[in-house]
Full PDB file with SEQRES, HELIX, SHEET, SSBOND, CRYST1, ORIGX, SCALE, CONECT and MASTER records, all heavy atoms in Angstrom:
SEQRES   1 A   37  GLU ARG GLU PHE VAL SER GLY MET ARG TRP SER ARG SER          
SEQRES   2 A   37  HIS THR TRP TYR ALA ASP SER VAL LYS ASP ARG PHE THR          
SEQRES   3 A   37  ILE SER ARG ASP SER ASP LYS ASN THR VAL TYR                  
HELIX    1 AA1 SER A   31  LYS A   33  5                                   3    
SHEET    1 AA1 2 SER A   6  MET A   8  0                                        
SHEET    2 AA1 2 THR A  15  TYR A  17 -1                                        
SHEET    1 AA2 2 ARG A  29  ASP A  30  0                                        
SHEET    2 AA2 2 THR A  35  VAL A  36 -1                                        
CRYST1    1.000    1.000    1.000  90.00  90.00  90.00 P 1           1          
ORIGX1      1.000000  0.000000  0.000000        0.00000                         
ORIGX2      0.000000  1.000000  0.000000        0.00000                         
ORIGX3      0.000000  0.000000  1.000000        0.00000                         
SCALE1      1.000000  0.000000  0.000000        0.00000                         
SCALE2      0.000000  1.000000  0.000000        0.00000                         
SCALE3      0.000000  0.000000  1.000000        0.00000                         
ATOM      1  N   GLU A   1      18.139   1.226 -20.827  1.00  0.00           N  
ATOM      2  CA  GLU A   1      16.851   1.732 -20.625  1.00  0.00           C  
ATOM      3  C   GLU A   1      15.828   0.463 -20.414  1.00  0.00           C  
ATOM      4  O   GLU A   1      16.134  -0.604 -20.851  1.00  0.00           O  
ATOM      5  CB  GLU A   1      16.378   2.625 -21.756  1.00  0.00           C  
ATOM      6  CG  GLU A   1      17.156   3.831 -21.936  1.00  0.00           C  
ATOM      7  CD  GLU A   1      16.618   4.763 -23.095  1.00  0.00           C  
ATOM      8  OE1 GLU A   1      15.774   4.258 -23.773  1.00  0.00           O  
ATOM      9  OE2 GLU A   1      17.171   5.860 -23.203  1.00  0.00           O  
ATOM     10  N   ARG A   2      14.777   0.783 -19.766  1.00  0.00           N  
ATOM     11  CA  ARG A   2      13.767  -0.196 -19.611  1.00  0.00           C  
ATOM     12  C   ARG A   2      13.136  -0.529 -20.950  1.00  0.00           C  
ATOM     13  O   ARG A   2      12.927   0.459 -21.752  1.00  0.00           O  
ATOM     14  CB  ARG A   2      12.706   0.241 -18.674  1.00  0.00           C  
ATOM     15  CG  ARG A   2      11.703  -0.744 -18.127  1.00  0.00           C  
ATOM     16  CD  ARG A   2      11.291  -0.573 -16.776  1.00  0.00           C  
ATOM     17  NE  ARG A   2      10.695   0.766 -16.431  1.00  0.00           N  
ATOM     18  CZ  ARG A   2      10.303   1.267 -15.330  1.00  0.00           C  
ATOM     19  NH1 ARG A   2      10.360   0.394 -14.278  1.00  0.00           N  
ATOM     20  NH2 ARG A   2       9.813   2.438 -15.140  1.00  0.00           N  
ATOM     21  N   GLU A   3      12.856  -1.719 -21.209  1.00  0.00           N  
ATOM     22  CA  GLU A   3      12.364  -2.230 -22.514  1.00  0.00           C  
ATOM     23  C   GLU A   3      11.147  -3.188 -22.368  1.00  0.00           C  
ATOM     24  O   GLU A   3      11.114  -3.896 -21.354  1.00  0.00           O  
ATOM     25  CB  GLU A   3      13.473  -2.874 -23.340  1.00  0.00           C  
ATOM     26  CG  GLU A   3      13.914  -4.201 -22.721  1.00  0.00           C  
ATOM     27  CD  GLU A   3      14.911  -4.978 -23.699  1.00  0.00           C  
ATOM     28  OE1 GLU A   3      15.174  -4.480 -24.847  1.00  0.00           O  
ATOM     29  OE2 GLU A   3      15.386  -5.964 -23.261  1.00  0.00           O  
ATOM     30  N   PHE A   4      10.307  -3.055 -23.297  1.00  0.00           N  
ATOM     31  CA  PHE A   4       9.100  -3.920 -23.397  1.00  0.00           C  
ATOM     32  C   PHE A   4       9.455  -5.350 -23.642  1.00  0.00           C  
ATOM     33  O   PHE A   4      10.367  -5.681 -24.469  1.00  0.00           O  
ATOM     34  CB  PHE A   4       8.123  -3.432 -24.421  1.00  0.00           C  
ATOM     35  CG  PHE A   4       7.004  -4.265 -24.815  1.00  0.00           C  
ATOM     36  CD1 PHE A   4       5.840  -4.235 -23.881  1.00  0.00           C  
ATOM     37  CD2 PHE A   4       6.995  -5.206 -25.771  1.00  0.00           C  
ATOM     38  CE1 PHE A   4       4.836  -4.978 -24.259  1.00  0.00           C  
ATOM     39  CE2 PHE A   4       5.950  -6.081 -26.055  1.00  0.00           C  
ATOM     40  CZ  PHE A   4       4.805  -5.858 -25.155  1.00  0.00           C  
ATOM     41  N   VAL A   5       8.800  -6.249 -22.877  1.00  0.00           N  
ATOM     42  CA  VAL A   5       9.149  -7.705 -23.105  1.00  0.00           C  
ATOM     43  C   VAL A   5       7.848  -8.381 -23.695  1.00  0.00           C  
ATOM     44  O   VAL A   5       7.943  -9.112 -24.697  1.00  0.00           O  
ATOM     45  CB  VAL A   5       9.514  -8.331 -21.801  1.00  0.00           C  
ATOM     46  CG1 VAL A   5       9.692  -9.889 -22.051  1.00  0.00           C  
ATOM     47  CG2 VAL A   5      10.744  -7.839 -21.145  1.00  0.00           C  
ATOM     48  N   SER A   6       6.783  -8.244 -23.064  1.00  0.00           N  
ATOM     49  CA  SER A   6       5.540  -8.920 -23.399  1.00  0.00           C  
ATOM     50  C   SER A   6       4.280  -8.269 -22.786  1.00  0.00           C  
ATOM     51  O   SER A   6       4.505  -7.603 -21.856  1.00  0.00           O  
ATOM     52  CB  SER A   6       5.557 -10.314 -23.096  1.00  0.00           C  
ATOM     53  OG  SER A   6       4.426 -11.071 -23.462  1.00  0.00           O  
ATOM     54  N   GLY A   7       3.145  -8.338 -23.383  1.00  0.00           N  
ATOM     55  CA  GLY A   7       1.953  -7.736 -22.850  1.00  0.00           C  
ATOM     56  C   GLY A   7       0.749  -8.513 -23.422  1.00  0.00           C  
ATOM     57  O   GLY A   7       0.868  -9.271 -24.318  1.00  0.00           O  
ATOM     58  N   MET A   8      -0.311  -8.361 -22.673  1.00  0.00           N  
ATOM     59  CA  MET A   8      -1.567  -8.983 -22.992  1.00  0.00           C  
ATOM     60  C   MET A   8      -2.774  -8.173 -22.474  1.00  0.00           C  
ATOM     61  O   MET A   8      -2.723  -7.538 -21.537  1.00  0.00           O  
ATOM     62  CB  MET A   8      -1.659 -10.371 -22.420  1.00  0.00           C  
ATOM     63  CG  MET A   8      -1.878 -10.528 -20.991  1.00  0.00           C  
ATOM     64  SD  MET A   8      -2.009 -12.174 -20.369  1.00  0.00           S  
ATOM     65  CE  MET A   8      -3.429 -12.833 -21.264  1.00  0.00           C  
ATOM     66  N   ARG A   9      -3.866  -8.135 -23.230  1.00  0.00           N  
ATOM     67  CA  ARG A   9      -5.058  -7.726 -22.778  1.00  0.00           C  
ATOM     68  C   ARG A   9      -5.705  -8.700 -21.824  1.00  0.00           C  
ATOM     69  O   ARG A   9      -5.711  -9.876 -22.101  1.00  0.00           O  
ATOM     70  CB  ARG A   9      -6.065  -7.375 -23.928  1.00  0.00           C  
ATOM     71  CG  ARG A   9      -5.723  -6.285 -24.731  1.00  0.00           C  
ATOM     72  CD  ARG A   9      -6.847  -5.769 -25.622  1.00  0.00           C  
ATOM     73  NE  ARG A   9      -6.382  -4.797 -26.528  1.00  0.00           N  
ATOM     74  CZ  ARG A   9      -6.088  -3.477 -26.228  1.00  0.00           C  
ATOM     75  NH1 ARG A   9      -6.380  -3.030 -25.022  1.00  0.00           N  
ATOM     76  NH2 ARG A   9      -5.757  -2.605 -27.169  1.00  0.00           N  
ATOM     77  N   TRP A  10      -6.214  -8.091 -20.681  1.00  0.00           N  
ATOM     78  CA  TRP A  10      -6.710  -9.041 -19.717  1.00  0.00           C  
ATOM     79  C   TRP A  10      -7.826 -10.032 -20.339  1.00  0.00           C  
ATOM     80  O   TRP A  10      -8.075 -11.030 -19.910  1.00  0.00           O  
ATOM     81  CB  TRP A  10      -7.373  -8.339 -18.601  1.00  0.00           C  
ATOM     82  CG  TRP A  10      -7.532  -9.268 -17.357  1.00  0.00           C  
ATOM     83  CD1 TRP A  10      -8.757  -9.686 -16.935  1.00  0.00           C  
ATOM     84  CD2 TRP A  10      -6.703  -9.689 -16.450  1.00  0.00           C  
ATOM     85  NE1 TRP A  10      -8.595 -10.493 -15.831  1.00  0.00           N  
ATOM     86  CE2 TRP A  10      -7.327 -10.440 -15.437  1.00  0.00           C  
ATOM     87  CE3 TRP A  10      -5.259  -9.542 -16.330  1.00  0.00           C  
ATOM     88  CZ2 TRP A  10      -6.719 -11.105 -14.509  1.00  0.00           C  
ATOM     89  CZ3 TRP A  10      -4.645 -10.180 -15.256  1.00  0.00           C  
ATOM     90  CH2 TRP A  10      -5.293 -11.002 -14.402  1.00  0.00           C  
ATOM     91  N   SER A  11      -8.498  -9.400 -21.360  1.00  0.00           N  
ATOM     92  CA  SER A  11      -9.602 -10.219 -22.015  1.00  0.00           C  
ATOM     93  C   SER A  11      -8.943 -11.370 -22.870  1.00  0.00           C  
ATOM     94  O   SER A  11      -9.661 -12.235 -23.425  1.00  0.00           O  
ATOM     95  CB  SER A  11     -10.355  -9.363 -22.970  1.00  0.00           C  
ATOM     96  OG  SER A  11      -9.568  -8.675 -23.925  1.00  0.00           O  
ATOM     97  N   ARG A  12      -7.683 -11.364 -22.996  1.00  0.00           N  
ATOM     98  CA  ARG A  12      -6.852 -12.294 -23.731  1.00  0.00           C  
ATOM     99  C   ARG A  12      -7.179 -12.231 -25.197  1.00  0.00           C  
ATOM    100  O   ARG A  12      -6.871 -13.149 -25.990  1.00  0.00           O  
ATOM    101  CB  ARG A  12      -7.215 -13.744 -23.252  1.00  0.00           C  
ATOM    102  CG  ARG A  12      -6.511 -14.088 -21.936  1.00  0.00           C  
ATOM    103  CD  ARG A  12      -6.571 -15.594 -21.610  1.00  0.00           C  
ATOM    104  NE  ARG A  12      -7.848 -15.999 -21.120  1.00  0.00           N  
ATOM    105  CZ  ARG A  12      -8.035 -17.140 -20.524  1.00  0.00           C  
ATOM    106  NH1 ARG A  12      -6.931 -17.886 -20.169  1.00  0.00           N  
ATOM    107  NH2 ARG A  12      -9.159 -17.519 -20.234  1.00  0.00           N  
ATOM    108  N   SER A  13      -7.671 -11.140 -25.680  1.00  0.00           N  
ATOM    109  CA  SER A  13      -7.948 -10.967 -27.078  1.00  0.00           C  
ATOM    110  C   SER A  13      -6.660 -10.685 -27.787  1.00  0.00           C  
ATOM    111  O   SER A  13      -6.653 -10.906 -29.111  1.00  0.00           O  
ATOM    112  CB  SER A  13      -8.891  -9.742 -27.240  1.00  0.00           C  
ATOM    113  OG  SER A  13      -8.288  -8.623 -26.703  1.00  0.00           O  
ATOM    114  N   HIS A  14      -5.651 -10.226 -27.164  1.00  0.00           N  
ATOM    115  CA  HIS A  14      -4.312 -10.000 -27.803  1.00  0.00           C  
ATOM    116  C   HIS A  14      -3.145 -10.196 -26.892  1.00  0.00           C  
ATOM    117  O   HIS A  14      -3.238 -10.033 -25.683  1.00  0.00           O  
ATOM    118  CB  HIS A  14      -4.219  -8.492 -28.308  1.00  0.00           C  
ATOM    119  CG  HIS A  14      -5.055  -8.188 -29.391  1.00  0.00           C  
ATOM    120  ND1 HIS A  14      -6.394  -7.725 -29.325  1.00  0.00           N  
ATOM    121  CD2 HIS A  14      -4.902  -8.252 -30.741  1.00  0.00           C  
ATOM    122  CE1 HIS A  14      -6.969  -7.651 -30.510  1.00  0.00           C  
ATOM    123  NE2 HIS A  14      -6.017  -7.851 -31.391  1.00  0.00           N  
ATOM    124  N   THR A  15      -2.037 -10.650 -27.520  1.00  0.00           N  
ATOM    125  CA  THR A  15      -0.872 -10.704 -26.786  1.00  0.00           C  
ATOM    126  C   THR A  15       0.311 -10.143 -27.692  1.00  0.00           C  
ATOM    127  O   THR A  15       0.177 -10.181 -28.838  1.00  0.00           O  
ATOM    128  CB  THR A  15      -0.377 -12.182 -26.372  1.00  0.00           C  
ATOM    129  OG1 THR A  15      -0.380 -13.023 -27.577  1.00  0.00           O  
ATOM    130  CG2 THR A  15      -1.412 -12.866 -25.308  1.00  0.00           C  
ATOM    131  N   TRP A  16       1.287  -9.673 -27.088  1.00  0.00           N  
ATOM    132  CA  TRP A  16       2.397  -9.004 -27.792  1.00  0.00           C  
ATOM    133  C   TRP A  16       3.709  -9.533 -27.214  1.00  0.00           C  
ATOM    134  O   TRP A  16       3.846  -9.599 -25.901  1.00  0.00           O  
ATOM    135  CB  TRP A  16       2.324  -7.517 -27.689  1.00  0.00           C  
ATOM    136  CG  TRP A  16       1.020  -6.883 -28.275  1.00  0.00           C  
ATOM    137  CD1 TRP A  16       0.921  -6.589 -29.579  1.00  0.00           C  
ATOM    138  CD2 TRP A  16      -0.180  -6.599 -27.556  1.00  0.00           C  
ATOM    139  NE1 TRP A  16      -0.438  -6.138 -29.684  1.00  0.00           N  
ATOM    140  CE2 TRP A  16      -1.054  -6.016 -28.537  1.00  0.00           C  
ATOM    141  CE3 TRP A  16      -0.538  -6.768 -26.288  1.00  0.00           C  
ATOM    142  CZ2 TRP A  16      -2.325  -5.649 -28.186  1.00  0.00           C  
ATOM    143  CZ3 TRP A  16      -1.862  -6.318 -25.942  1.00  0.00           C  
ATOM    144  CH2 TRP A  16      -2.725  -5.835 -26.805  1.00  0.00           C  
ATOM    145  N   TYR A  17       4.712  -9.591 -27.937  1.00  0.00           N  
ATOM    146  CA  TYR A  17       6.060  -9.934 -27.567  1.00  0.00           C  
ATOM    147  C   TYR A  17       7.139  -9.166 -28.236  1.00  0.00           C  
ATOM    148  O   TYR A  17       6.918  -8.720 -29.409  1.00  0.00           O  
ATOM    149  CB  TYR A  17       6.322 -11.449 -27.967  1.00  0.00           C  
ATOM    150  CG  TYR A  17       5.457 -12.313 -27.093  1.00  0.00           C  
ATOM    151  CD1 TYR A  17       4.261 -12.901 -27.701  1.00  0.00           C  
ATOM    152  CD2 TYR A  17       5.823 -12.800 -25.867  1.00  0.00           C  
ATOM    153  CE1 TYR A  17       3.392 -13.749 -27.014  1.00  0.00           C  
ATOM    154  CE2 TYR A  17       5.003 -13.706 -25.184  1.00  0.00           C  
ATOM    155  CZ  TYR A  17       3.835 -14.063 -25.712  1.00  0.00           C  
ATOM    156  OH  TYR A  17       3.018 -15.026 -24.991  1.00  0.00           O  
ATOM    157  N   ALA A  18       8.203  -8.821 -27.551  1.00  0.00           N  
ATOM    158  CA  ALA A  18       9.348  -8.272 -28.259  1.00  0.00           C  
ATOM    159  C   ALA A  18       9.938  -9.354 -29.119  1.00  0.00           C  
ATOM    160  O   ALA A  18       9.842 -10.601 -28.739  1.00  0.00           O  
ATOM    161  CB  ALA A  18      10.446  -7.890 -27.099  1.00  0.00           C  
ATOM    162  N   ASP A  19      10.528  -8.910 -30.246  1.00  0.00           N  
ATOM    163  CA  ASP A  19      11.066  -9.984 -31.184  1.00  0.00           C  
ATOM    164  C   ASP A  19      12.178 -10.806 -30.490  1.00  0.00           C  
ATOM    165  O   ASP A  19      12.251 -11.976 -30.836  1.00  0.00           O  
ATOM    166  CB  ASP A  19      11.729  -9.192 -32.338  1.00  0.00           C  
ATOM    167  CG  ASP A  19      10.719  -8.555 -33.183  1.00  0.00           C  
ATOM    168  OD1 ASP A  19       9.443  -8.969 -33.167  1.00  0.00           O  
ATOM    169  OD2 ASP A  19      11.071  -7.722 -33.997  1.00  0.00           O  
ATOM    170  N   SER A  20      12.850 -10.262 -29.537  1.00  0.00           N  
ATOM    171  CA  SER A  20      14.002 -11.065 -28.896  1.00  0.00           C  
ATOM    172  C   SER A  20      13.480 -12.050 -28.036  1.00  0.00           C  
ATOM    173  O   SER A  20      14.297 -13.054 -27.669  1.00  0.00           O  
ATOM    174  CB  SER A  20      14.819 -10.093 -28.121  1.00  0.00           C  
ATOM    175  OG  SER A  20      14.049  -9.410 -27.043  1.00  0.00           O  
ATOM    176  N   VAL A  21      12.220 -12.134 -27.639  1.00  0.00           N  
ATOM    177  CA  VAL A  21      11.717 -13.254 -26.755  1.00  0.00           C  
ATOM    178  C   VAL A  21      10.696 -14.188 -27.427  1.00  0.00           C  
ATOM    179  O   VAL A  21      10.264 -15.081 -26.712  1.00  0.00           O  
ATOM    180  CB  VAL A  21      11.229 -12.604 -25.328  1.00  0.00           C  
ATOM    181  CG1 VAL A  21      12.103 -11.632 -24.771  1.00  0.00           C  
ATOM    182  CG2 VAL A  21       9.890 -11.860 -25.630  1.00  0.00           C  
ATOM    183  N   LYS A  22      10.258 -13.793 -28.566  1.00  0.00           N  
ATOM    184  CA  LYS A  22       9.271 -14.537 -29.205  1.00  0.00           C  
ATOM    185  C   LYS A  22       9.692 -15.967 -29.428  1.00  0.00           C  
ATOM    186  O   LYS A  22      10.838 -16.260 -29.698  1.00  0.00           O  
ATOM    187  CB  LYS A  22       9.003 -13.866 -30.664  1.00  0.00           C  
ATOM    188  CG  LYS A  22       7.506 -13.777 -31.102  1.00  0.00           C  
ATOM    189  CD  LYS A  22       7.408 -13.070 -32.421  1.00  0.00           C  
ATOM    190  CE  LYS A  22       7.210 -11.563 -32.176  1.00  0.00           C  
ATOM    191  NZ  LYS A  22       7.014 -10.881 -33.456  1.00  0.00           N  
ATOM    192  N   ASP A  23       8.851 -16.912 -29.119  1.00  0.00           N  
ATOM    193  CA  ASP A  23       8.989 -18.384 -29.326  1.00  0.00           C  
ATOM    194  C   ASP A  23       9.792 -18.869 -28.056  1.00  0.00           C  
ATOM    195  O   ASP A  23      10.006 -20.078 -27.943  1.00  0.00           O  
ATOM    196  CB  ASP A  23       9.792 -18.714 -30.560  1.00  0.00           C  
ATOM    197  CG  ASP A  23       9.122 -18.312 -31.793  1.00  0.00           C  
ATOM    198  OD1 ASP A  23       7.884 -18.412 -31.883  1.00  0.00           O  
ATOM    199  OD2 ASP A  23       9.841 -17.887 -32.699  1.00  0.00           O  
ATOM    200  N   ARG A  24      10.157 -18.014 -27.149  1.00  0.00           N  
ATOM    201  CA  ARG A  24      10.807 -18.443 -25.893  1.00  0.00           C  
ATOM    202  C   ARG A  24      10.003 -18.127 -24.596  1.00  0.00           C  
ATOM    203  O   ARG A  24      10.040 -18.746 -23.674  1.00  0.00           O  
ATOM    204  CB  ARG A  24      12.241 -17.969 -25.735  1.00  0.00           C  
ATOM    205  CG  ARG A  24      13.210 -18.422 -26.778  1.00  0.00           C  
ATOM    206  CD  ARG A  24      14.655 -17.988 -26.456  1.00  0.00           C  
ATOM    207  NE  ARG A  24      14.721 -16.478 -26.496  1.00  0.00           N  
ATOM    208  CZ  ARG A  24      15.059 -15.764 -25.340  1.00  0.00           C  
ATOM    209  NH1 ARG A  24      15.337 -16.501 -24.343  1.00  0.00           N  
ATOM    210  NH2 ARG A  24      15.153 -14.533 -25.341  1.00  0.00           N  
ATOM    211  N   PHE A  25       9.375 -16.906 -24.729  1.00  0.00           N  
ATOM    212  CA  PHE A  25       8.598 -16.430 -23.498  1.00  0.00           C  
ATOM    213  C   PHE A  25       7.056 -16.591 -23.855  1.00  0.00           C  
ATOM    214  O   PHE A  25       6.637 -16.389 -24.989  1.00  0.00           O  
ATOM    215  CB  PHE A  25       8.951 -14.994 -23.243  1.00  0.00           C  
ATOM    216  CG  PHE A  25      10.238 -14.719 -22.618  1.00  0.00           C  
ATOM    217  CD1 PHE A  25      11.297 -15.604 -22.636  1.00  0.00           C  
ATOM    218  CD2 PHE A  25      10.561 -13.566 -22.016  1.00  0.00           C  
ATOM    219  CE1 PHE A  25      12.490 -15.434 -22.146  1.00  0.00           C  
ATOM    220  CE2 PHE A  25      11.795 -13.225 -21.596  1.00  0.00           C  
ATOM    221  CZ  PHE A  25      12.809 -14.301 -21.613  1.00  0.00           C  
ATOM    222  N   THR A  26       6.305 -16.846 -22.814  1.00  0.00           N  
ATOM    223  CA  THR A  26       4.897 -16.975 -23.052  1.00  0.00           C  
ATOM    224  C   THR A  26       4.211 -16.120 -21.875  1.00  0.00           C  
ATOM    225  O   THR A  26       4.476 -16.373 -20.695  1.00  0.00           O  
ATOM    226  CB  THR A  26       4.337 -18.423 -22.936  1.00  0.00           C  
ATOM    227  OG1 THR A  26       5.046 -19.135 -23.989  1.00  0.00           O  
ATOM    228  CG2 THR A  26       2.887 -18.438 -23.125  1.00  0.00           C  
ATOM    229  N   ILE A  27       3.264 -15.325 -22.185  1.00  0.00           N  
ATOM    230  CA  ILE A  27       2.532 -14.491 -21.213  1.00  0.00           C  
ATOM    231  C   ILE A  27       1.169 -15.107 -21.029  1.00  0.00           C  
ATOM    232  O   ILE A  27       0.603 -15.624 -22.160  1.00  0.00           O  
ATOM    233  CB  ILE A  27       2.453 -13.018 -21.579  1.00  0.00           C  
ATOM    234  CG1 ILE A  27       1.856 -12.178 -20.382  1.00  0.00           C  
ATOM    235  CG2 ILE A  27       1.631 -12.808 -22.875  1.00  0.00           C  
ATOM    236  CD1 ILE A  27       1.925 -10.783 -20.623  1.00  0.00           C  
ATOM    237  N   SER A  28       0.649 -15.264 -19.892  1.00  0.00           N  
ATOM    238  CA  SER A  28      -0.658 -15.808 -19.561  1.00  0.00           C  
ATOM    239  C   SER A  28      -1.263 -15.165 -18.274  1.00  0.00           C  
ATOM    240  O   SER A  28      -0.541 -14.462 -17.674  1.00  0.00           O  
ATOM    241  CB  SER A  28      -0.505 -17.357 -19.430  1.00  0.00           C  
ATOM    242  OG  SER A  28       0.276 -17.730 -18.320  1.00  0.00           O  
ATOM    243  N   ARG A  29      -2.458 -15.560 -18.024  1.00  0.00           N  
ATOM    244  CA  ARG A  29      -3.040 -14.963 -16.789  1.00  0.00           C  
ATOM    245  C   ARG A  29      -4.053 -16.061 -16.269  1.00  0.00           C  
ATOM    246  O   ARG A  29      -4.567 -16.881 -16.964  1.00  0.00           O  
ATOM    247  CB  ARG A  29      -3.724 -13.754 -17.070  1.00  0.00           C  
ATOM    248  CG  ARG A  29      -4.861 -13.706 -18.093  1.00  0.00           C  
ATOM    249  CD  ARG A  29      -6.240 -13.647 -17.382  1.00  0.00           C  
ATOM    250  NE  ARG A  29      -7.203 -13.190 -18.435  1.00  0.00           N  
ATOM    251  CZ  ARG A  29      -8.471 -13.713 -18.361  1.00  0.00           C  
ATOM    252  NH1 ARG A  29      -8.804 -14.432 -17.290  1.00  0.00           N  
ATOM    253  NH2 ARG A  29      -9.402 -13.340 -19.144  1.00  0.00           N  
ATOM    254  N   ASP A  30      -4.260 -15.911 -14.856  1.00  0.00           N  
ATOM    255  CA  ASP A  30      -5.166 -16.698 -14.170  1.00  0.00           C  
ATOM    256  C   ASP A  30      -6.200 -15.699 -13.624  1.00  0.00           C  
ATOM    257  O   ASP A  30      -5.831 -14.859 -12.686  1.00  0.00           O  
ATOM    258  CB  ASP A  30      -4.518 -17.411 -13.032  1.00  0.00           C  
ATOM    259  CG  ASP A  30      -5.495 -18.378 -12.302  1.00  0.00           C  
ATOM    260  OD1 ASP A  30      -6.619 -18.012 -12.211  1.00  0.00           O  
ATOM    261  OD2 ASP A  30      -5.003 -19.347 -11.764  1.00  0.00           O  
ATOM    262  N   SER A  31      -7.357 -15.590 -14.157  1.00  0.00           N  
ATOM    263  CA  SER A  31      -8.405 -14.550 -13.703  1.00  0.00           C  
ATOM    264  C   SER A  31      -8.821 -14.847 -12.314  1.00  0.00           C  
ATOM    265  O   SER A  31      -9.165 -13.873 -11.573  1.00  0.00           O  
ATOM    266  CB  SER A  31      -9.535 -14.648 -14.650  1.00  0.00           C  
ATOM    267  OG  SER A  31     -10.164 -15.742 -14.733  1.00  0.00           O  
ATOM    268  N   ASP A  32      -8.869 -16.026 -11.886  1.00  0.00           N  
ATOM    269  CA  ASP A  32      -9.266 -16.366 -10.544  1.00  0.00           C  
ATOM    270  C   ASP A  32      -8.323 -15.738  -9.450  1.00  0.00           C  
ATOM    271  O   ASP A  32      -8.745 -15.354  -8.327  1.00  0.00           O  
ATOM    272  CB  ASP A  32      -9.479 -17.827 -10.308  1.00  0.00           C  
ATOM    273  CG  ASP A  32     -10.542 -18.402 -10.963  1.00  0.00           C  
ATOM    274  OD1 ASP A  32     -11.510 -17.639 -11.273  1.00  0.00           O  
ATOM    275  OD2 ASP A  32     -10.552 -19.607 -11.246  1.00  0.00           O  
ATOM    276  N   LYS A  33      -7.043 -15.683  -9.834  1.00  0.00           N  
ATOM    277  CA  LYS A  33      -6.066 -15.221  -8.928  1.00  0.00           C  
ATOM    278  C   LYS A  33      -5.547 -13.795  -9.260  1.00  0.00           C  
ATOM    279  O   LYS A  33      -4.756 -13.129  -8.632  1.00  0.00           O  
ATOM    280  CB  LYS A  33      -4.817 -16.181  -8.928  1.00  0.00           C  
ATOM    281  CG  LYS A  33      -5.043 -17.504  -8.523  1.00  0.00           C  
ATOM    282  CD  LYS A  33      -3.805 -18.383  -8.546  1.00  0.00           C  
ATOM    283  CE  LYS A  33      -4.063 -19.767  -8.027  1.00  0.00           C  
ATOM    284  NZ  LYS A  33      -2.857 -20.609  -8.139  1.00  0.00           N  
ATOM    285  N   ASN A  34      -6.184 -13.175 -10.338  1.00  0.00           N  
ATOM    286  CA  ASN A  34      -5.788 -11.853 -10.861  1.00  0.00           C  
ATOM    287  C   ASN A  34      -4.288 -11.818 -10.939  1.00  0.00           C  
ATOM    288  O   ASN A  34      -3.597 -10.774 -10.557  1.00  0.00           O  
ATOM    289  CB  ASN A  34      -6.321 -10.852  -9.883  1.00  0.00           C  
ATOM    290  CG  ASN A  34      -7.629 -10.352 -10.176  1.00  0.00           C  
ATOM    291  OD1 ASN A  34      -8.298 -10.829 -11.126  1.00  0.00           O  
ATOM    292  ND2 ASN A  34      -8.140  -9.441  -9.292  1.00  0.00           N  
ATOM    293  N   THR A  35      -3.744 -12.822 -11.572  1.00  0.00           N  
ATOM    294  CA  THR A  35      -2.273 -12.868 -11.693  1.00  0.00           C  
ATOM    295  C   THR A  35      -1.859 -13.190 -13.218  1.00  0.00           C  
ATOM    296  O   THR A  35      -2.523 -13.931 -13.858  1.00  0.00           O  
ATOM    297  CB  THR A  35      -1.701 -14.007 -10.859  1.00  0.00           C  
ATOM    298  OG1 THR A  35      -2.020 -13.863  -9.502  1.00  0.00           O  
ATOM    299  CG2 THR A  35      -0.282 -14.222 -11.002  1.00  0.00           C  
ATOM    300  N   VAL A  36      -0.915 -12.428 -13.592  1.00  0.00           N  
ATOM    301  CA  VAL A  36      -0.247 -12.559 -14.948  1.00  0.00           C  
ATOM    302  C   VAL A  36       1.121 -13.259 -14.729  1.00  0.00           C  
ATOM    303  O   VAL A  36       1.884 -12.911 -13.764  1.00  0.00           O  
ATOM    304  CB  VAL A  36      -0.112 -11.194 -15.615  1.00  0.00           C  
ATOM    305  CG1 VAL A  36       0.648 -11.319 -16.881  1.00  0.00           C  
ATOM    306  CG2 VAL A  36      -1.481 -10.618 -15.832  1.00  0.00           C  
ATOM    307  N   TYR A  37       1.416 -14.192 -15.633  1.00  0.00           N  
ATOM    308  CA  TYR A  37       2.615 -14.966 -15.584  1.00  0.00           C  
ATOM    309  C   TYR A  37       3.448 -14.646 -16.895  1.00  0.00           C  
ATOM    310  O   TYR A  37       2.878 -14.426 -17.878  1.00  0.00           O  
ATOM    311  CB  TYR A  37       2.317 -16.376 -15.551  1.00  0.00           C  
ATOM    312  CG  TYR A  37       1.481 -16.823 -14.374  1.00  0.00           C  
ATOM    313  CD1 TYR A  37       0.050 -17.049 -14.557  1.00  0.00           C  
ATOM    314  CD2 TYR A  37       1.941 -16.956 -13.091  1.00  0.00           C  
ATOM    315  CE1 TYR A  37      -0.718 -17.469 -13.422  1.00  0.00           C  
ATOM    316  CE2 TYR A  37       1.178 -17.317 -12.057  1.00  0.00           C  
ATOM    317  CZ  TYR A  37      -0.108 -17.637 -12.190  1.00  0.00           C  
ATOM    318  OH  TYR A  37      -0.914 -17.930 -11.162  1.00  0.00           O  
TER     319      TYR A  37                                                      
MASTER        0    0    0    1    4    0    0    6  318    1    0    3          
END                                                                             
C-alpha cells in the first residue's frame, strides 16, 4: 500500500516524517520555484 514518507506546511511551520526515514530524509521547499524537495 501507499505510505506516508514526509510532509510540510508550505509556511514551514511544521514538518513531519515517517519513523523509518527520520534522520535520513529531509523535506524542504523553494517558494520562488514553488517546488518541494
